[in-house]
Amino acid sequence: MSVKDSKTIADPDTPADNTLAGDILRGAAQIGDFIGLDEQKAFHKLEKRQIPADKEGRIWVSTKSRLRRHYSGRE
């Protein structure tokens, strides 16, 4: 899996925004944008549990830090 650009996950321990609200991604579009996938591909991978995320009702939710850990091989 390729990531949109390497600086997005350059430091897996330091979110760009140090607040929890700035770390949360809601929906396949936001999650996909963060990891370099279009919404449809991200949704498909989320449904197959290939991307670490949880559902809040019908909305997929993950965090930037969780995705950084996953794609750096630390989760």
C-alpha atoms as a PDB file:
ATOM      1  CA  MET A   1       0.000   0.000   0.000  1.00  0.00           C
ATOM      2  CA  SER A   2       1.358   3.358  -0.894  1.00  0.00           C
ATOM      3  CA  VAL A   3       0.855   6.440   1.166  1.00  0.00           C
ATOM      4  CA  LYS A   4       0.053   9.779  -0.433  1.00  0.00           C
ATOM      5  CA  ASP A   5       3.375  11.308   0.528  1.00  0.00           C
ATOM      6  CA  SER A   6       6.110  10.286   2.914  1.00  0.00           C
ATOM      7  CA  LYS A   7       5.924  13.402   5.083  1.00  0.00           C
ATOM      8  CA  THR A   8       2.345  12.460   6.045  1.00  0.00           C
ATOM      9  CA  ILE A   9       3.685   9.604   8.166  1.00  0.00           C
ATOM     10  CA  ALA A  10       7.258  10.818   8.699  1.00  0.00           C
ATOM     11  CA  ASP A  11       6.978  10.833  12.503  1.00  0.00           C
ATOM     12  CA  PRO A  12       4.424   8.260  13.669  1.00  0.00           C
ATOM     13  CA  ASP A  13       4.484   9.500  17.277  1.00  0.00           C
ATOM     14  CA  THR A  14       3.768  13.160  16.601  1.00  0.00           C
ATOM     15  CA  PRO A  15       0.410  14.149  15.158  1.00  0.00           C
ATOM     16  CA  ALA A  16       0.438  17.377  13.159  1.00  0.00           C
ATOM     17  CA  ASP A  17      -2.247  18.723  15.486  1.00  0.00           C
ATOM     18  CA  ASN A  18      -1.612  17.803  19.115  1.00  0.00           C
ATOM     19  CA  THR A  19      -5.314  17.787  20.023  1.00  0.00           C
ATOM     20  CA  LEU A  20      -7.518  14.710  19.942  1.00  0.00           C
ATOM     21  CA  ALA A  21      -9.984  16.521  17.697  1.00  0.00           C
ATOM     22  CA  GLY A  22      -7.196  17.207  15.202  1.00  0.00           C
ATOM     23  CA  ASP A  23      -6.229  13.518  15.232  1.00  0.00           C
ATOM     24  CA  ILE A  24      -9.691  12.115  14.405  1.00  0.00           C
ATOM     25  CA  LEU A  25     -10.720  11.253  10.855  1.00  0.00           C
ATOM     26  CA  ARG A  26     -14.419  10.684  10.148  1.00  0.00           C
ATOM     27  CA  GLY A  27     -15.679   8.880   7.080  1.00  0.00           C
ATOM     28  CA  ALA A  28     -14.085   6.993   4.212  1.00  0.00           C
ATOM     29  CA  ALA A  29     -13.346  10.239   2.352  1.00  0.00           C
ATOM     30  CA  GLN A  30     -11.206  11.734   5.156  1.00  0.00           C
ATOM     31  CA  ILE A  31      -9.512   8.416   5.920  1.00  0.00           C
ATOM     32  CA  GLY A  32      -8.828   7.769   2.243  1.00  0.00           C
ATOM     33  CA  ASP A  33      -7.494  11.267   1.687  1.00  0.00           C
ATOM     34  CA  PHE A  34      -5.088  10.847   4.599  1.00  0.00           C
ATOM     35  CA  ILE A  35      -3.640   7.577   3.249  1.00  0.00           C
ATOM     36  CA  GLY A  36      -3.810   8.470  -0.437  1.00  0.00           C
ATOM     37  CA  LEU A  37      -6.890   6.533  -1.575  1.00  0.00           C
ATOM     38  CA  ASP A  38     -10.089   7.750  -3.150  1.00  0.00           C
ATOM     39  CA  GLU A  39     -13.256   7.426  -1.076  1.00  0.00           C
ATOM     40  CA  GLN A  40     -14.521   4.316  -2.858  1.00  0.00           C
ATOM     41  CA  LYS A  41     -11.253   2.375  -2.447  1.00  0.00           C
ATOM     42  CA  ALA A  42     -10.956   3.447   1.179  1.00  0.00           C
ATOM     43  CA  PHE A  43     -14.541   2.352   1.875  1.00  0.00           C
ATOM     44  CA  HIS A  44     -13.891  -1.042   0.287  1.00  0.00           C
ATOM     45  CA  LYS A  45     -10.744  -1.562   2.390  1.00  0.00           C
ATOM     46  CA  LEU A  46     -12.532  -0.363   5.528  1.00  0.00           C
ATOM     47  CA  GLU A  47     -15.356  -2.849   4.945  1.00  0.00           C
ATOM     48  CA  LYS A  48     -12.805  -5.648   4.496  1.00  0.00           C
ATOM     49  CA  ARG A  49     -11.073  -4.496   7.733  1.00  0.00           C
ATOM     50  CA  GLN A  50      -7.807  -3.817   5.869  1.00  0.00           C
ATOM     51  CA  ILE A  51      -7.617  -0.320   7.348  1.00  0.00           C
ATOM     52  CA  PRO A  52      -7.664   0.052  11.144  1.00  0.00           C
ATOM     53  CA  ALA A  53     -10.874   1.878  12.018  1.00  0.00           C
ATOM     54  CA  ASP A  54     -14.101   1.538  13.973  1.00  0.00           C
ATOM     55  CA  LYS A  55     -17.668   2.397  13.150  1.00  0.00           C
ATOM     56  CA  GLU A  56     -19.743   4.999  14.975  1.00  0.00           C
ATOM     57  CA  GLY A  57     -23.174   4.123  13.698  1.00  0.00           C
ATOM     58  CA  ARG A  58     -22.719   4.131   9.929  1.00  0.00           C
ATOM     59  CA  ILE A  59     -19.572   6.302   9.880  1.00  0.00           C
ATOM     60  CA  TRP A  60     -16.047   4.886   9.796  1.00  0.00           C
ATOM     61  CA  VAL A  61     -13.740   6.591  12.306  1.00  0.00           C
ATOM     62  CA  SER A  62      -9.993   6.326  12.801  1.00  0.00           C
ATOM     63  CA  THR A  63      -7.167   8.545  13.962  1.00  0.00           C
ATOM     64  CA  LYS A  64      -4.135   9.864  12.157  1.00  0.00           C
ATOM     65  CA  SER A  65      -1.890   8.412  14.845  1.00  0.00           C
ATOM     66  CA  ARG A  66      -3.484   4.954  14.528  1.00  0.00           C
ATOM     67  CA  LEU A  67      -3.037   4.987  10.759  1.00  0.00           C
ATOM     68  CA  ARG A  68       0.568   6.186  11.095  1.00  0.00           C
ATOM     69  CA  ARG A  69       1.323   3.292  13.470  1.00  0.00           C
ATOM     70  CA  HIS A  70      -0.378   0.794  11.153  1.00  0.00           C
ATOM     71  CA  TYR A  71       1.440   1.898   8.009  1.00  0.00           C
ATOM     72  CA  SER A  72       4.793   2.170   9.756  1.00  0.00           C
ATOM     73  CA  GLY A  73       4.395  -1.467  10.841  1.00  0.00           C
ATOM     74  CA  ARG A  74       4.077  -0.689  14.540  1.00  0.00           C
ATOM     75  CA  GLU A  75       0.475  -1.835  15.062  1.00  0.00           C
END
